[in-house]
N, C-alpha and C. Protein backbone atom coordinates (compact mmCIF):
# COMPACT_ATOMS: atom_id res chain seq x y z
N MET A 1 0.76 -1.20 0.00
CA MET A 1 -0.01 0.03 0.00
C MET A 1 0.99 1.21 0.04
N SER A 2 0.47 2.25 -0.82
CA SER A 2 1.26 3.44 -0.78
C SER A 2 1.25 4.40 0.42
N ALA A 3 2.01 5.09 0.71
CA ALA A 3 1.91 5.85 1.80
C ALA A 3 0.80 7.01 1.51
N ASP A 4 0.53 7.39 0.22
CA ASP A 4 -0.42 8.37 -0.20
C ASP A 4 -1.67 7.78 0.22
N LEU A 5 -1.98 6.54 -0.12
CA LEU A 5 -3.05 5.78 -0.01
C LEU A 5 -3.48 5.89 1.69
N GLY A 6 -2.66 5.56 2.47
CA GLY A 6 -3.00 5.54 3.79
C GLY A 6 -3.12 6.92 4.38
N HIS A 7 -2.42 7.98 3.94
CA HIS A 7 -2.70 9.40 4.28
C HIS A 7 -3.92 9.87 3.84
N LEU A 8 -4.48 9.63 2.60
CA LEU A 8 -5.69 9.99 2.07
C LEU A 8 -6.85 9.35 3.09
N LEU A 9 -6.81 8.16 3.18
CA LEU A 9 -7.90 7.40 3.74
C LEU A 9 -7.79 7.76 5.30
N GLY A 10 -6.70 8.10 5.80
CA GLY A 10 -6.51 8.21 7.22
C GLY A 10 -7.13 9.50 7.80
N GLU A 11 -7.37 10.52 6.94
CA GLU A 11 -7.86 11.75 7.16
C GLU A 11 -9.31 12.08 6.52
N VAL A 12 -10.07 11.15 6.28
CA VAL A 12 -11.22 11.56 5.55
C VAL A 12 -12.38 11.03 6.21
N GLY A 13 -13.66 11.87 6.31
CA GLY A 13 -14.76 11.64 7.04
C GLY A 13 -15.76 10.79 6.30
N ALA A 14 -15.54 10.70 5.03
CA ALA A 14 -16.59 9.83 4.15
C ALA A 14 -15.79 9.35 2.93
N VAL A 15 -16.10 8.00 2.66
CA VAL A 15 -15.57 7.29 1.48
C VAL A 15 -16.74 6.90 0.54
N SER A 16 -16.58 7.34 -0.67
CA SER A 16 -17.78 7.06 -1.48
C SER A 16 -17.31 5.97 -2.69
N LEU A 17 -17.94 4.87 -2.60
CA LEU A 17 -17.45 3.89 -3.73
C LEU A 17 -18.44 3.87 -4.97
N ASP A 18 -17.79 3.51 -5.91
CA ASP A 18 -18.43 3.58 -7.42
C ASP A 18 -19.17 2.23 -7.36
N PHE A 19 -20.34 2.02 -6.98
CA PHE A 19 -21.11 0.81 -6.78
C PHE A 19 -21.14 -0.05 -8.07
N ASP A 20 -21.13 0.34 -9.28
CA ASP A 20 -21.21 -0.50 -10.43
C ASP A 20 -19.86 -1.22 -10.88
N GLY A 21 -18.86 -0.90 -10.13
CA GLY A 21 -17.70 -1.39 -10.50
C GLY A 21 -16.68 -2.33 -9.43
N PRO A 22 -16.03 -1.20 -8.71
CA PRO A 22 -15.14 -1.86 -7.71
C PRO A 22 -15.71 -2.60 -6.61
N VAL A 23 -16.89 -2.30 -6.28
CA VAL A 23 -17.70 -3.03 -5.08
C VAL A 23 -18.14 -4.14 -5.34
N CYS A 24 -18.51 -4.23 -6.73
CA CYS A 24 -19.20 -5.58 -7.21
C CYS A 24 -18.27 -6.82 -6.94
N SER A 25 -16.85 -6.61 -7.14
CA SER A 25 -15.96 -7.63 -6.72
C SER A 25 -15.89 -8.20 -5.38
N VAL A 26 -16.35 -7.28 -4.49
CA VAL A 26 -16.38 -7.75 -3.02
C VAL A 26 -17.13 -8.91 -2.75
N PHE A 27 -18.27 -8.87 -3.56
CA PHE A 27 -19.35 -10.01 -3.55
C PHE A 27 -18.91 -11.26 -4.41
N ALA A 28 -17.81 -11.31 -5.08
CA ALA A 28 -17.61 -12.40 -5.85
C ALA A 28 -17.64 -13.75 -5.14
N GLY A 29 -18.37 -14.53 -5.48
CA GLY A 29 -18.28 -15.87 -4.92
C GLY A 29 -19.53 -16.03 -4.01
N TYR A 30 -20.29 -14.73 -3.61
CA TYR A 30 -21.44 -14.68 -2.84
C TYR A 30 -22.71 -14.75 -3.80
N PRO A 31 -23.34 -15.94 -3.91
CA PRO A 31 -24.27 -16.04 -5.21
C PRO A 31 -25.49 -14.96 -4.77
N ALA A 32 -25.92 -14.52 -5.90
CA ALA A 32 -27.05 -13.58 -5.89
C ALA A 32 -28.29 -14.21 -5.23
N PRO A 33 -28.53 -15.57 -5.58
CA PRO A 33 -29.82 -16.05 -4.89
C PRO A 33 -29.59 -16.35 -3.47
N GLN A 34 -28.39 -16.47 -2.97
CA GLN A 34 -28.22 -16.58 -1.51
C GLN A 34 -28.50 -15.16 -0.76
N VAL A 35 -27.98 -14.07 -1.50
CA VAL A 35 -28.13 -12.74 -1.12
C VAL A 35 -29.76 -12.42 -1.09
N ALA A 36 -30.24 -12.79 -2.14
CA ALA A 36 -31.71 -12.68 -2.25
C ALA A 36 -32.58 -13.28 -0.98
N ALA A 37 -31.99 -14.59 -0.73
CA ALA A 37 -32.81 -15.25 0.26
C ALA A 37 -32.63 -14.61 1.64
N GLU A 38 -31.45 -14.02 1.93
CA GLU A 38 -31.09 -13.60 3.22
C GLU A 38 -31.82 -12.17 3.26
N LEU A 39 -31.81 -11.49 2.21
CA LEU A 39 -32.63 -10.20 2.14
C LEU A 39 -34.16 -10.54 2.50
N VAL A 40 -34.61 -11.46 2.06
CA VAL A 40 -36.10 -11.80 2.41
C VAL A 40 -36.24 -12.16 3.64
N ASP A 41 -35.44 -12.85 4.17
CA ASP A 41 -35.36 -13.25 5.60
C ASP A 41 -35.25 -12.12 6.62
N MET A 42 -34.30 -11.04 6.28
CA MET A 42 -34.13 -9.81 6.96
C MET A 42 -35.43 -9.00 6.96
N LEU A 43 -35.98 -8.82 5.68
CA LEU A 43 -37.03 -8.08 5.65
C LEU A 43 -38.33 -8.65 6.51
N ARG A 44 -38.54 -9.92 6.51
CA ARG A 44 -39.47 -10.46 7.23
C ARG A 44 -39.29 -10.39 8.59
N ARG A 45 -38.07 -10.54 9.16
CA ARG A 45 -37.78 -10.32 10.59
C ARG A 45 -37.98 -8.87 11.03
N ARG A 46 -37.92 -7.89 10.00
CA ARG A 46 -38.33 -6.50 10.36
C ARG A 46 -39.88 -6.28 10.02
N GLY A 47 -40.76 -7.20 9.89
CA GLY A 47 -42.07 -7.06 9.95
C GLY A 47 -42.63 -6.60 8.48
N VAL A 48 -41.66 -6.86 7.43
CA VAL A 48 -42.23 -6.48 5.99
C VAL A 48 -42.86 -7.78 5.55
N ASP A 49 -44.20 -7.41 4.95
CA ASP A 49 -44.73 -8.62 4.27
C ASP A 49 -44.10 -8.69 2.79
N VAL A 50 -43.60 -9.79 2.70
CA VAL A 50 -42.63 -10.29 1.28
C VAL A 50 -43.80 -10.93 0.59
N PRO A 51 -44.19 -10.76 -0.50
CA PRO A 51 -45.33 -11.49 -1.22
C PRO A 51 -44.61 -12.73 -1.64
N PRO A 52 -45.31 -13.79 -1.76
CA PRO A 52 -44.82 -15.10 -2.09
C PRO A 52 -44.04 -15.13 -3.39
N ASP A 53 -44.30 -14.47 -4.23
CA ASP A 53 -43.85 -14.47 -5.81
C ASP A 53 -42.22 -13.85 -5.52
N LEU A 54 -42.07 -13.09 -4.56
CA LEU A 54 -40.71 -12.31 -4.40
C LEU A 54 -39.99 -13.40 -3.35
N ALA A 55 -40.53 -14.08 -2.53
CA ALA A 55 -39.70 -14.95 -1.44
C ALA A 55 -38.88 -15.97 -2.44
N GLY A 56 -39.05 -16.29 -3.49
CA GLY A 56 -38.34 -17.34 -4.26
C GLY A 56 -37.29 -16.61 -5.46
N GLU A 57 -37.59 -15.04 -5.45
CA GLU A 57 -36.90 -14.48 -6.48
C GLU A 57 -35.20 -14.72 -6.16
N PRO A 58 -34.44 -14.93 -7.08
CA PRO A 58 -32.95 -15.15 -7.15
C PRO A 58 -32.18 -13.90 -7.10
N ASP A 59 -32.84 -12.66 -7.64
CA ASP A 59 -32.07 -11.35 -7.88
C ASP A 59 -32.38 -10.43 -6.66
N PRO A 60 -31.48 -9.95 -5.96
CA PRO A 60 -31.71 -9.21 -4.78
C PRO A 60 -32.24 -7.74 -5.14
N LEU A 61 -31.94 -7.34 -6.18
CA LEU A 61 -32.42 -6.02 -6.72
C LEU A 61 -34.00 -6.26 -7.10
N GLU A 62 -34.32 -7.47 -7.57
CA GLU A 62 -35.68 -7.47 -7.92
C GLU A 62 -36.44 -7.60 -6.43
N VAL A 63 -36.00 -8.30 -5.54
CA VAL A 63 -36.55 -8.39 -4.33
C VAL A 63 -36.94 -7.05 -3.59
N LEU A 64 -35.77 -6.04 -3.77
CA LEU A 64 -35.97 -4.61 -3.35
C LEU A 64 -37.10 -4.02 -4.24
N ARG A 65 -36.79 -3.88 -5.29
CA ARG A 65 -38.00 -3.35 -6.16
C ARG A 65 -39.40 -4.00 -5.97
N GLY A 66 -39.59 -5.15 -6.01
CA GLY A 66 -40.94 -5.78 -5.75
C GLY A 66 -41.49 -5.37 -4.49
N THR A 67 -40.46 -5.38 -3.32
CA THR A 67 -41.08 -5.10 -2.15
C THR A 67 -41.67 -3.61 -2.06
N GLY A 68 -40.98 -2.77 -2.72
CA GLY A 68 -41.56 -1.35 -2.99
C GLY A 68 -42.84 -1.33 -3.66
N ALA A 69 -42.66 -2.05 -4.83
CA ALA A 69 -43.96 -2.02 -5.69
C ALA A 69 -45.15 -2.72 -5.15
N ALA A 70 -44.85 -3.38 -4.11
CA ALA A 70 -45.88 -4.33 -3.66
C ALA A 70 -46.62 -3.40 -2.45
N GLY A 71 -46.33 -2.15 -2.16
CA GLY A 71 -46.85 -1.51 -1.36
C GLY A 71 -46.09 -1.01 0.04
N ASN A 72 -44.83 -1.92 0.01
CA ASN A 72 -43.95 -1.55 1.26
C ASN A 72 -43.16 -0.18 0.99
N HIS A 73 -43.90 0.72 0.59
CA HIS A 73 -43.11 2.06 0.35
C HIS A 73 -42.40 2.64 1.57
N GLY A 74 -42.60 2.20 2.73
CA GLY A 74 -41.97 2.72 3.82
C GLY A 74 -40.39 2.29 3.91
N VAL A 75 -40.25 0.91 3.34
CA VAL A 75 -38.98 0.22 3.29
C VAL A 75 -38.21 1.04 2.39
N THR A 76 -38.79 1.15 1.02
CA THR A 76 -38.12 1.91 -0.02
C THR A 76 -37.78 3.30 0.46
N ARG A 77 -38.65 3.93 1.13
CA ARG A 77 -38.76 5.48 1.66
C ARG A 77 -37.30 5.48 2.62
N ALA A 78 -37.25 4.46 3.52
CA ALA A 78 -36.18 4.40 4.40
C ALA A 78 -34.94 4.39 3.82
N VAL A 79 -34.77 3.52 2.96
CA VAL A 79 -33.38 3.33 2.12
C VAL A 79 -33.05 4.70 1.31
N GLU A 80 -34.16 5.36 0.76
CA GLU A 80 -33.86 6.39 0.06
C GLU A 80 -33.59 7.59 1.05
N ASP A 81 -34.16 7.58 2.04
CA ASP A 81 -33.74 8.66 2.99
C ASP A 81 -32.48 8.42 3.60
N ALA A 82 -32.24 7.17 3.97
CA ALA A 82 -30.70 6.92 4.45
C ALA A 82 -29.69 7.28 3.58
N LEU A 83 -29.83 6.87 2.09
CA LEU A 83 -29.04 7.37 1.17
C LEU A 83 -28.69 8.73 0.84
N CYS A 84 -29.86 9.56 0.86
CA CYS A 84 -29.92 11.07 0.83
C CYS A 84 -29.17 11.88 1.77
N GLU A 85 -29.46 11.16 3.20
CA GLU A 85 -28.79 11.67 4.23
C GLU A 85 -27.15 11.47 4.15
N ALA A 86 -26.79 10.23 3.81
CA ALA A 86 -25.30 10.18 3.44
C ALA A 86 -24.86 10.93 2.61
N GLU A 87 -25.78 11.29 1.34
CA GLU A 87 -25.09 12.32 0.41
C GLU A 87 -24.79 13.40 0.97
N ARG A 88 -25.96 13.89 1.74
CA ARG A 88 -26.03 15.30 2.14
C ARG A 88 -24.74 15.41 3.03
N ARG A 89 -24.39 14.60 4.03
CA ARG A 89 -23.39 14.86 4.70
C ARG A 89 -22.07 14.65 4.25
N ALA A 90 -21.95 13.89 3.11
CA ALA A 90 -20.77 13.91 2.25
C ALA A 90 -20.48 15.23 1.63
N VAL A 91 -21.41 15.92 1.12
CA VAL A 91 -21.58 17.11 0.43
C VAL A 91 -20.90 18.12 1.43
N GLU A 92 -21.73 18.21 2.75
CA GLU A 92 -21.28 18.92 3.72
C GLU A 92 -19.68 18.79 4.04
N THR A 93 -19.27 17.71 3.96
CA THR A 93 -17.88 17.35 4.23
C THR A 93 -16.88 17.17 3.11
N ALA A 94 -17.14 17.72 2.13
CA ALA A 94 -16.49 17.42 0.69
C ALA A 94 -14.82 17.48 0.80
N ALA A 95 -14.41 18.65 1.64
CA ALA A 95 -13.13 18.63 2.00
C ALA A 95 -12.67 17.30 2.57
N ARG A 96 -13.41 16.43 3.41
CA ARG A 96 -12.82 15.39 3.86
C ARG A 96 -13.50 14.03 3.48
N CYS A 97 -13.84 14.25 2.14
CA CYS A 97 -14.27 13.14 1.51
C CYS A 97 -13.50 12.52 0.34
N VAL A 98 -13.47 11.18 0.11
CA VAL A 98 -12.60 10.73 -1.02
C VAL A 98 -13.49 9.66 -1.69
N LEU A 99 -13.39 9.96 -3.04
CA LEU A 99 -14.24 9.01 -4.04
C LEU A 99 -13.19 8.04 -4.66
N ILE A 100 -13.82 6.74 -4.65
CA ILE A 100 -13.10 5.75 -5.31
C ILE A 100 -13.75 5.36 -6.48
N GLU A 101 -13.03 5.58 -7.63
CA GLU A 101 -13.65 5.43 -8.90
C GLU A 101 -12.82 4.63 -9.83
N ASP A 102 -13.46 3.86 -10.82
CA ASP A 102 -12.90 2.88 -11.72
C ASP A 102 -12.97 3.45 -13.29
N SER A 103 -13.52 4.63 -13.44
CA SER A 103 -13.53 5.01 -15.09
C SER A 103 -12.75 6.42 -15.00
N LEU A 104 -12.32 6.73 -16.36
CA LEU A 104 -11.43 7.89 -16.53
C LEU A 104 -12.60 9.21 -16.29
N SER A 105 -13.84 8.84 -16.84
CA SER A 105 -14.87 9.99 -16.72
C SER A 105 -15.18 10.39 -15.20
N ASP A 106 -15.23 9.36 -14.36
CA ASP A 106 -15.37 9.62 -12.97
C ASP A 106 -14.14 10.23 -12.25
N ILE A 107 -13.45 9.86 -12.75
CA ILE A 107 -11.95 10.54 -12.10
C ILE A 107 -11.71 12.16 -12.43
N GLU A 108 -12.29 12.33 -14.04
CA GLU A 108 -12.19 13.66 -14.30
C GLU A 108 -13.30 14.54 -13.77
N GLY A 109 -14.39 13.72 -13.45
CA GLY A 109 -15.60 14.57 -12.84
C GLY A 109 -15.24 15.02 -11.25
N ALA A 110 -14.61 13.95 -10.54
CA ALA A 110 -14.15 14.27 -9.07
C ALA A 110 -12.90 15.50 -9.20
N ARG A 111 -12.15 15.33 -10.11
CA ARG A 111 -11.24 16.51 -10.14
C ARG A 111 -11.72 17.80 -10.43
N ALA A 112 -12.70 17.73 -11.35
CA ALA A 112 -13.49 19.06 -11.78
C ALA A 112 -14.17 19.75 -10.63
N ALA A 113 -14.74 18.44 -9.70
CA ALA A 113 -15.48 19.13 -8.47
C ALA A 113 -14.54 19.44 -7.41
N GLY A 114 -13.15 19.18 -7.33
CA GLY A 114 -12.25 19.49 -6.15
C GLY A 114 -12.47 18.44 -5.18
N VAL A 115 -12.77 17.09 -5.53
CA VAL A 115 -12.95 16.09 -4.63
C VAL A 115 -11.58 15.23 -4.84
N VAL A 116 -11.08 14.86 -3.55
CA VAL A 116 -10.09 13.78 -3.59
C VAL A 116 -10.66 12.52 -4.28
N VAL A 117 -9.85 11.90 -5.14
CA VAL A 117 -10.18 10.66 -5.81
C VAL A 117 -9.24 9.77 -6.12
N ILE A 118 -9.39 8.51 -5.66
CA ILE A 118 -8.62 7.38 -5.84
C ILE A 118 -8.91 6.55 -7.00
N GLY A 119 -7.85 6.24 -7.86
CA GLY A 119 -8.35 5.56 -8.96
C GLY A 119 -8.16 3.99 -8.94
N HIS A 120 -9.15 3.30 -9.02
CA HIS A 120 -9.30 1.84 -8.98
C HIS A 120 -8.90 1.36 -10.31
N ALA A 121 -7.62 0.97 -10.73
CA ALA A 121 -7.19 0.51 -11.82
C ALA A 121 -7.22 -0.84 -11.97
N ASN A 122 -8.52 -1.31 -12.42
CA ASN A 122 -8.60 -3.02 -12.48
C ASN A 122 -8.17 -3.54 -13.66
N ARG A 123 -7.29 -2.66 -14.45
CA ARG A 123 -6.89 -3.09 -15.88
C ARG A 123 -5.70 -2.53 -15.94
N PRO A 124 -4.77 -2.95 -16.37
CA PRO A 124 -3.25 -2.24 -16.55
C PRO A 124 -3.38 -1.25 -17.44
N ALA A 125 -4.19 -0.89 -18.44
CA ALA A 125 -4.11 0.16 -19.29
C ALA A 125 -4.91 1.35 -18.53
N LYS A 126 -5.58 1.19 -17.24
CA LYS A 126 -5.91 2.37 -16.69
C LYS A 126 -5.00 3.06 -15.92
N VAL A 127 -3.97 2.42 -15.57
CA VAL A 127 -3.04 2.83 -14.55
C VAL A 127 -2.42 4.28 -15.07
N ASP A 128 -1.89 4.32 -16.23
CA ASP A 128 -1.40 5.46 -16.70
C ASP A 128 -2.47 6.73 -16.99
N ALA A 129 -3.50 6.10 -17.60
CA ALA A 129 -4.68 7.24 -17.78
C ALA A 129 -5.11 7.74 -16.55
N PHE A 130 -5.23 7.00 -15.66
CA PHE A 130 -5.69 7.44 -14.25
C PHE A 130 -4.60 8.63 -13.78
N ARG A 131 -3.34 8.15 -13.66
CA ARG A 131 -2.29 9.05 -13.18
C ARG A 131 -2.44 10.43 -14.00
N LEU A 132 -2.48 10.20 -15.27
CA LEU A 132 -2.45 11.38 -16.20
C LEU A 132 -3.59 12.29 -15.98
N ALA A 133 -4.83 11.77 -15.46
CA ALA A 133 -6.00 12.47 -15.15
C ALA A 133 -6.01 13.18 -13.73
N GLY A 134 -4.95 12.88 -13.03
CA GLY A 134 -4.92 13.46 -11.88
C GLY A 134 -5.31 12.80 -10.48
N ALA A 135 -5.47 11.45 -10.60
CA ALA A 135 -6.03 10.67 -9.46
C ALA A 135 -5.25 10.86 -8.53
N ASP A 136 -5.59 11.15 -7.14
CA ASP A 136 -4.64 11.52 -6.13
C ASP A 136 -3.84 10.27 -5.43
N ALA A 137 -4.42 9.06 -5.90
CA ALA A 137 -3.83 7.59 -5.48
C ALA A 137 -4.28 6.81 -6.42
N LEU A 138 -3.47 5.75 -6.72
CA LEU A 138 -4.14 4.75 -7.41
C LEU A 138 -3.81 3.11 -6.77
N VAL A 139 -5.17 2.33 -6.89
CA VAL A 139 -4.93 1.06 -6.34
C VAL A 139 -5.10 0.22 -7.63
N THR A 140 -4.77 -1.07 -7.35
CA THR A 140 -5.17 -2.05 -8.46
C THR A 140 -6.05 -3.31 -7.91
N SER A 141 -6.29 -3.14 -6.66
CA SER A 141 -7.16 -4.09 -5.92
C SER A 141 -7.79 -3.45 -4.68
N MET A 142 -9.11 -3.90 -4.58
CA MET A 142 -9.93 -3.31 -3.53
C MET A 142 -9.27 -3.72 -2.13
N GLY A 143 -8.60 -4.89 -2.21
CA GLY A 143 -7.77 -5.20 -1.00
C GLY A 143 -7.00 -4.12 -0.38
N GLU A 144 -6.32 -3.21 -1.46
CA GLU A 144 -5.45 -2.18 -0.94
C GLU A 144 -6.24 -1.23 0.19
N ILE A 145 -7.47 -0.89 -0.56
CA ILE A 145 -8.55 0.08 0.11
C ILE A 145 -8.78 -0.73 1.55
N ALA A 146 -9.27 -1.77 1.50
CA ALA A 146 -9.70 -2.60 2.85
C ALA A 146 -8.45 -2.46 3.78
N ALA A 147 -7.20 -2.82 3.41
CA ALA A 147 -6.12 -2.71 4.15
C ALA A 147 -6.00 -1.18 4.88
N ALA A 148 -6.12 -0.31 3.98
CA ALA A 148 -5.83 1.12 4.41
C ALA A 148 -6.77 1.50 5.64
N LEU A 149 -7.98 1.02 5.13
CA LEU A 149 -9.19 1.31 6.32
C LEU A 149 -9.00 0.42 7.56
N ILE A 150 -8.57 -0.64 7.29
CA ILE A 150 -8.28 -1.39 8.56
C ILE A 150 -7.26 -0.78 9.58
N ASN A 151 -6.04 -0.54 8.59
CA ASN A 151 -5.16 0.13 9.50
C ASN A 151 -5.35 1.46 10.12
N ARG A 152 -6.38 2.24 9.50
CA ARG A 152 -7.01 3.33 10.14
C ARG A 152 -7.69 3.01 11.51
N GLY A 153 -8.30 2.03 11.25
CA GLY A 153 -9.15 1.62 12.51
C GLY A 153 -8.48 1.13 13.75
N THR A 154 -7.30 0.64 13.36
CA THR A 154 -6.31 0.11 14.38
C THR A 154 -5.33 1.02 14.93
N GLY A 155 -5.19 2.14 14.01
CA GLY A 155 -4.15 3.14 14.51
C GLY A 155 -2.83 2.92 13.80
N ASN A 156 -2.61 1.85 13.08
CA ASN A 156 -1.41 1.44 12.47
C ASN A 156 -0.98 2.22 11.26
N ALA A 157 0.08 2.83 11.28
CA ALA A 157 0.51 3.59 10.07
C ALA A 157 1.18 2.75 9.16
N SER A 158 1.17 3.31 7.62
CA SER A 158 1.77 2.39 6.55
C SER A 158 2.82 3.32 5.98
């Protein structure tokens, strides 16, 4: 792990991940049907009426969509409210926020907005492009991010 990465993550108040890219790899090997079944169980434990057709749905996103469409708008609204609150807090603390992005346009957008950005170069060709675009740090594995955050939590310097 680079000292830059440890420094950047050591002083931030919020970390925003690009959910359609780097985060998806975290769930590799954790099958979507299992996630969907666990989601149904969690919703039921919280008193949400999950319609029978959704109980066997193998896609967790469809479970969420279907739960909202079936009239459980309170669940959908609670999730939306939590996401909006997280975004509001991140904007309020943009000087202490870092984005982790895996595309050139996202890195350029973060730079234009004046937000610190870590480039996740999940392909060798991205390393130079992200560096030239001005990424504040580069990683080739989300494991590097995890290690830096763990070190931050334990107070270990890198």
